[in-house]
Amino acid sequence: MKQVIRQSLACILLSWCAMTAGAQVSYTDKGQAVPPETVPMQASAFENHNNVEITWLTNAGFLINDHGDCILIDPMLQGYDLPLLRKAPIAPADIPALKGVMITHTDNDHMSLPTLKDLPHKDTEFYSTALVENALRAEGFRANARSNYQPFRVGNFEIQLVPAFHAYQYDFPGIGKPFGKDDCCGFLIKTSTGKVIWHMGDTRLLPDHLDLPWTPDVILMDLSDHYWHLGKHGAQVISNHYRDAQLFVCHWGTVDAPQADTFNGDPNELAGKITNPQRIVVQAPGAAYVLAD
């Protein structure tokens, strides 16, 4: 009983940390919006807390813990090639067993090979598009393409891919072949409690996004203001279309690059453009948010 009480109090505290962070956007002397300071994570974050928790890992990375079944999405926990404003909350080597890792595309702030290679459980399955599968298999990972947009199960989760359009290479000749129609993705994730979480990935607004097969209760929203991302207009459209969804903002406040709109967005600016702006959740990296049943 004491253990249950301790776990409940810990979950309440973690949820409080994430919720109150919504009013704690600050700004660097160069004008970048940043979240609260990182909260270090322990291995206990991956245990069963008798609930569903969402933890932002910086950039576009998240941990979703559904009663002890844990998945990572786009973890970038070490080895990035630009300076950071907020450090990662946990080292990959300190992460316990996972049910799976979801990767939205091959850019190194999403498919972070320095992170993935230091995950301690080499039998972890990776899920994504065929392009990501080939890239991961070339590095020795167990990867599974799910490009048919049909649901599949990973532990407690029912998951399906969502289209994403992020072919920014068209505008930057010489950096590689542009991403094709099915090379990038987002993920719809249905938890054991029936809650639906949508990680958008990096994407422009698409008609598919306004007619999803499952209505999201939570959107892990790309807040980047770059025109090959959702951008200010797309974030406003998505937020007002799914007007009951909680909005966990990501892809902002992590990389120290004030002149690069790719890594910049401002939750306060979004709040002024949408209905029920209190839905915006600004997390300190590493602070878990407990989803209500």
Protein backbone atom coordinates (compact mmCIF):
# COMPACT_ATOMS: atom_id res chain seq x y z
CA MET A 1 0.00 0.00 0.00
CA LYS A 2 2.82 2.42 0.87
CA GLN A 3 4.42 1.74 -2.50
CA VAL A 4 1.15 2.51 -4.29
CA ILE A 5 0.81 5.78 -2.34
CA ARG A 6 4.38 6.77 -3.16
CA GLN A 7 3.81 6.06 -6.86
CA SER A 8 0.58 8.07 -6.85
CA LEU A 9 2.25 11.04 -5.18
CA ALA A 10 5.13 10.88 -7.63
CA CYS A 11 2.73 10.88 -10.59
CA ILE A 12 0.82 13.86 -9.17
CA LEU A 13 4.07 15.77 -8.68
CA LEU A 14 5.34 15.00 -12.18
CA SER A 15 2.03 15.98 -13.74
CA TRP A 16 2.04 19.24 -11.74
CA CYS A 17 5.56 20.04 -12.98
CA ALA A 18 4.48 19.60 -16.60
CA MET A 19 1.20 21.49 -16.25
CA THR A 20 2.57 24.53 -14.43
CA ALA A 21 5.36 24.78 -17.01
CA GLY A 22 2.75 26.04 -19.47
CA ALA A 23 3.22 29.58 -18.15
CA GLN A 24 7.02 29.31 -17.97
CA VAL A 25 8.15 30.01 -21.52
CA SER A 26 11.21 32.23 -21.29
CA TYR A 27 13.39 33.90 -23.89
CA THR A 28 17.13 33.97 -24.52
CA ASP A 29 18.95 37.24 -25.04
CA LYS A 30 18.76 36.46 -28.77
CA GLY A 31 14.98 36.07 -28.65
CA GLN A 32 14.55 32.29 -28.77
CA ALA A 33 11.61 30.92 -26.80
CA VAL A 34 12.74 28.16 -24.45
CA PRO A 35 11.00 25.77 -22.03
CA PRO A 36 11.84 25.31 -18.35
CA GLU A 37 15.13 23.69 -17.44
CA THR A 38 15.49 19.95 -17.93
CA VAL A 39 14.34 17.64 -15.13
CA PRO A 40 16.71 14.62 -14.93
CA MET A 41 14.99 11.27 -15.44
CA GLN A 42 15.67 8.02 -13.62
CA ALA A 43 15.09 4.44 -14.75
CA SER A 44 11.95 4.50 -12.60
CA ALA A 45 10.30 6.69 -15.27
CA PHE A 46 9.93 3.49 -17.31
CA GLU A 47 8.17 1.49 -14.57
CA ASN A 48 4.46 0.80 -14.25
CA HIS A 49 2.81 3.78 -12.53
CA ASN A 50 -0.73 2.49 -13.19
CA ASN A 51 -1.41 5.22 -15.73
CA VAL A 52 -0.35 6.66 -19.09
CA GLU A 53 2.43 9.26 -19.03
CA ILE A 54 3.94 11.45 -21.73
CA THR A 55 7.45 12.82 -21.27
CA TRP A 56 9.13 15.25 -23.67
CA LEU A 57 12.78 14.36 -24.31
CA THR A 58 13.69 17.64 -26.13
CA ASN A 59 13.29 18.45 -29.83
CA ALA A 60 10.72 16.01 -31.29
CA GLY A 61 11.47 13.17 -28.90
CA PHE A 62 8.96 11.63 -26.49
CA LEU A 63 8.58 8.74 -24.09
CA ILE A 64 5.09 7.28 -23.75
CA ASN A 65 4.67 4.96 -20.77
CA ASP A 66 1.42 2.97 -20.76
CA HIS A 67 1.29 1.02 -17.49
CA GLY A 68 4.94 0.03 -17.87
CA ASP A 69 4.91 -0.61 -21.62
CA CYS A 70 7.23 2.08 -22.99
CA ILE A 71 7.90 3.40 -26.47
CA LEU A 72 10.18 6.18 -27.65
CA ILE A 73 9.48 8.47 -30.57
CA ASP A 74 12.36 10.27 -32.33
CA PRO A 75 14.71 10.29 -29.32
CA MET A 76 17.67 12.69 -29.70
CA LEU A 77 19.52 12.17 -26.43
CA GLN A 78 23.18 12.66 -27.36
CA GLY A 79 25.61 13.37 -30.16
CA TYR A 80 23.76 16.14 -32.00
CA ASP A 81 25.93 18.33 -34.24
CA LEU A 82 24.66 21.74 -33.07
CA PRO A 83 24.79 23.38 -29.62
CA LEU A 84 21.73 22.87 -27.44
CA LEU A 85 19.70 25.16 -25.19
CA ARG A 86 18.28 22.29 -23.13
CA LYS A 87 20.11 19.05 -22.43
CA ALA A 88 18.51 15.65 -22.72
CA PRO A 89 16.95 14.34 -19.49
CA ILE A 90 18.47 10.85 -19.65
CA ALA A 91 21.37 9.09 -21.36
CA PRO A 92 20.35 6.30 -23.75
CA ALA A 93 22.49 3.78 -21.88
CA ASP A 94 20.39 4.38 -18.75
CA ILE A 95 17.07 3.48 -20.43
CA PRO A 96 15.55 0.13 -19.41
CA ALA A 97 13.77 -2.26 -21.77
CA LEU A 98 11.46 -0.77 -24.38
CA LYS A 99 8.54 -2.19 -26.33
CA GLY A 100 9.62 -0.28 -29.43
CA VAL A 101 11.04 2.86 -30.99
CA MET A 102 9.14 4.93 -33.57
CA ILE A 103 11.13 7.03 -36.06
CA THR A 104 9.38 9.58 -38.28
CA HIS A 105 12.18 10.15 -40.82
CA THR A 106 15.94 9.97 -41.34
CA ASP A 107 17.02 13.51 -40.40
CA ASN A 108 19.58 13.29 -37.60
CA ASP A 109 17.48 15.26 -35.11
CA HIS A 110 14.87 12.47 -35.38
CA MET A 111 16.82 9.33 -36.34
CA SER A 112 19.72 10.02 -33.97
CA LEU A 113 22.19 7.19 -34.54
CA PRO A 114 24.39 8.25 -31.58
CA THR A 115 21.31 7.81 -29.41
CA LEU A 116 20.01 4.60 -30.95
CA LYS A 117 23.39 2.86 -30.90
CA ASP A 118 23.69 3.37 -27.14
CA LEU A 119 20.27 1.99 -26.23
CA PRO A 120 21.17 -1.06 -24.09
CA HIS A 121 18.62 -3.46 -25.53
CA LYS A 122 19.74 -4.40 -29.02
CA ASP A 123 16.65 -6.54 -29.65
CA THR A 124 14.36 -3.49 -29.53
CA GLU A 125 12.18 -3.24 -32.62
CA PHE A 126 12.07 -0.03 -34.66
CA TYR A 127 9.01 1.04 -36.66
CA SER A 128 8.76 3.55 -39.48
CA THR A 129 8.71 3.91 -43.26
CA ALA A 130 10.60 1.78 -45.76
CA LEU A 131 13.27 4.48 -46.16
CA VAL A 132 13.93 4.53 -42.42
CA GLU A 133 13.83 0.74 -42.25
CA ASN A 134 16.57 0.47 -44.89
CA ALA A 135 18.70 3.10 -43.16
CA LEU A 136 18.38 1.39 -39.78
CA ARG A 137 18.96 -2.10 -41.10
CA ALA A 138 22.17 -0.83 -42.71
CA GLU A 139 23.27 0.11 -39.17
CA GLY A 140 22.36 -3.32 -37.76
CA PHE A 141 18.98 -2.52 -36.15
CA ARG A 142 15.82 -4.63 -36.25
CA ALA A 143 13.53 -2.35 -38.20
CA ASN A 144 10.03 -2.86 -39.58
CA ALA A 145 8.47 -0.74 -42.31
CA ARG A 146 4.76 -0.02 -41.84
CA SER A 147 4.06 2.00 -44.95
CA ASN A 148 0.59 0.56 -45.65
CA TYR A 149 -0.99 2.83 -43.01
CA GLN A 150 -2.70 -0.13 -41.34
CA PRO A 151 -2.85 -0.52 -37.54
CA PHE A 152 -0.31 -2.74 -35.78
CA ARG A 153 0.30 -3.58 -32.13
CA VAL A 154 3.34 -2.84 -29.97
CA GLY A 155 2.77 -3.91 -26.37
CA ASN A 156 -0.23 -2.04 -24.96
CA PHE A 157 -0.33 0.26 -27.96
CA GLU A 158 -2.24 0.13 -31.22
CA ILE A 159 -0.35 2.23 -33.77
CA GLN A 160 -0.66 3.34 -37.35
CA LEU A 161 1.37 5.61 -39.57
CA VAL A 162 0.06 9.00 -40.72
CA PRO A 163 1.30 10.69 -43.92
CA ALA A 164 3.83 13.51 -43.61
CA PHE A 165 5.26 15.81 -46.30
CA HIS A 166 8.77 17.10 -45.57
CA ALA A 167 10.62 17.25 -48.90
CA TYR A 168 12.70 20.29 -47.98
CA GLN A 169 15.60 19.03 -50.13
CA TYR A 170 13.86 20.48 -53.20
CA ASP A 171 14.84 23.94 -51.95
CA PHE A 172 18.39 23.02 -50.96
CA PRO A 173 20.10 21.44 -53.99
CA GLY A 174 23.05 19.24 -53.24
CA ILE A 175 22.05 17.97 -49.81
CA GLY A 176 20.39 14.80 -51.03
CA LYS A 177 17.41 13.28 -52.77
CA PRO A 178 14.11 14.88 -51.68
CA PHE A 179 11.95 12.80 -49.37
CA GLY A 180 9.24 11.02 -51.36
CA LYS A 181 5.57 10.59 -50.60
CA ASP A 182 6.00 7.68 -48.18
CA ASP A 183 9.48 8.43 -46.82
CA CYS A 184 8.32 10.43 -43.77
CA CYS A 185 5.47 9.80 -41.38
CA GLY A 186 3.70 10.65 -38.18
CA PHE A 187 2.17 8.16 -35.76
CA LEU A 188 -1.31 7.71 -34.33
CA ILE A 189 -0.97 5.84 -31.04
CA LYS A 190 -3.95 4.39 -29.17
CA THR A 191 -3.24 3.59 -25.54
CA SER A 192 -4.75 0.86 -23.36
CA THR A 193 -7.07 3.50 -21.87
CA GLY A 194 -8.42 4.42 -25.31
CA LYS A 195 -6.64 7.77 -25.50
CA VAL A 196 -5.28 8.62 -28.96
CA ILE A 197 -1.93 10.41 -29.25
CA TRP A 198 -0.79 11.86 -32.58
CA HIS A 199 2.90 12.55 -33.14
CA MET A 200 2.87 14.62 -36.31
CA GLY A 201 6.52 14.23 -37.30
CA ASP A 202 7.99 16.99 -39.45
CA THR A 203 5.35 17.91 -42.00
CA ARG A 204 3.50 20.55 -43.90
CA LEU A 205 -0.24 20.62 -43.37
CA LEU A 206 -1.95 17.92 -45.46
CA PRO A 207 -5.65 17.22 -46.18
CA ASP A 208 -5.13 13.80 -44.52
CA HIS A 209 -4.42 15.58 -41.25
CA LEU A 210 -7.95 16.94 -41.10
CA ASP A 211 -9.55 13.52 -41.60
CA LEU A 212 -7.60 11.10 -39.42
CA PRO A 213 -8.89 7.55 -38.88
CA TRP A 214 -8.80 8.13 -35.09
CA THR A 215 -9.58 11.49 -33.53
CA PRO A 216 -6.62 12.57 -31.39
CA ASP A 217 -7.01 13.40 -27.72
CA VAL A 218 -3.39 14.56 -27.63
CA ILE A 219 -1.30 16.11 -30.41
CA LEU A 220 2.49 16.11 -30.14
CA MET A 221 2.70 19.19 -32.33
CA ASP A 222 5.59 20.28 -34.52
CA LEU A 223 5.95 23.93 -33.52
CA SER A 224 8.79 24.68 -35.95
CA ASP A 225 8.12 27.81 -37.98
CA HIS A 226 10.00 26.60 -41.09
CA TYR A 227 7.87 26.42 -44.23
CA TRP A 228 8.64 22.71 -44.69
CA HIS A 229 7.19 22.13 -41.22
CA LEU A 230 3.69 22.83 -39.94
CA GLY A 231 4.41 26.53 -39.47
CA LYS A 232 2.29 29.14 -37.72
CA HIS A 233 -0.69 28.77 -40.03
CA GLY A 234 -0.69 24.97 -40.00
CA ALA A 235 -0.42 24.86 -36.20
CA GLN A 236 -3.39 27.21 -35.95
CA VAL A 237 -5.47 25.13 -38.39
CA ILE A 238 -4.72 21.83 -36.65
CA SER A 239 -5.33 23.27 -33.18
CA ASN A 240 -8.70 24.74 -34.12
CA HIS A 241 -9.77 21.67 -36.11
CA TYR A 242 -9.12 19.34 -33.16
CA ARG A 243 -10.37 21.85 -30.63
CA ASP A 244 -10.62 19.36 -27.75
CA ALA A 245 -7.14 17.92 -28.13
CA GLN A 246 -4.34 18.72 -25.71
CA LEU A 247 -1.38 20.26 -27.54
CA PHE A 248 2.08 19.13 -26.46
CA VAL A 249 4.44 21.41 -28.38
CA CYS A 250 7.80 20.11 -29.65
CA HIS A 251 10.56 20.87 -32.16
CA TRP A 252 11.28 24.19 -30.44
CA GLY A 253 13.40 25.54 -27.60
CA THR A 254 16.08 22.84 -27.87
CA VAL A 255 18.71 23.81 -30.47
CA ASP A 256 20.72 27.00 -29.98
CA ALA A 257 20.11 28.44 -33.44
CA PRO A 258 18.28 31.78 -33.14
CA GLN A 259 18.47 32.53 -36.86
CA ALA A 260 17.15 29.10 -37.95
CA ASP A 261 13.35 29.02 -38.05
CA THR A 262 13.61 25.22 -38.32
CA PHE A 263 14.26 25.08 -34.58
CA ASN A 264 12.13 27.99 -33.48
CA GLY A 265 8.53 28.47 -32.49
CA ASP A 266 6.74 30.16 -29.63
CA PRO A 267 3.89 28.54 -27.66
CA ASN A 268 2.75 31.97 -26.50
CA GLU A 269 2.29 33.06 -30.10
CA LEU A 270 0.21 29.95 -30.83
CA ALA A 271 -1.88 30.59 -27.72
CA GLY A 272 -3.03 33.91 -29.14
CA LYS A 273 -4.44 32.29 -32.28
CA ILE A 274 -6.45 29.28 -31.12
CA THR A 275 -9.57 28.38 -29.20
CA ASN A 276 -9.04 27.19 -25.62
CA PRO A 277 -5.33 28.07 -25.47
CA GLN A 278 -5.12 26.46 -22.02
CA ARG A 279 -4.84 23.18 -23.94
CA ILE A 280 -1.21 23.97 -24.74
CA VAL A 281 1.15 21.92 -22.58
CA VAL A 282 4.69 23.25 -22.31
CA GLN A 283 6.77 20.58 -20.62
CA ALA A 284 10.15 20.83 -19.02
CA PRO A 285 12.18 18.10 -20.72
CA GLY A 286 12.06 15.08 -18.45
CA ALA A 287 8.88 16.09 -16.58
CA ALA A 288 6.14 13.50 -17.11
CA TYR A 289 2.54 14.44 -17.78
CA VAL A 290 -0.08 11.99 -16.55
CA LEU A 291 -3.02 11.61 -18.95
CA ALA A 292 -6.42 11.49 -17.35
CA ASP A 293 -8.38 8.31 -18.09
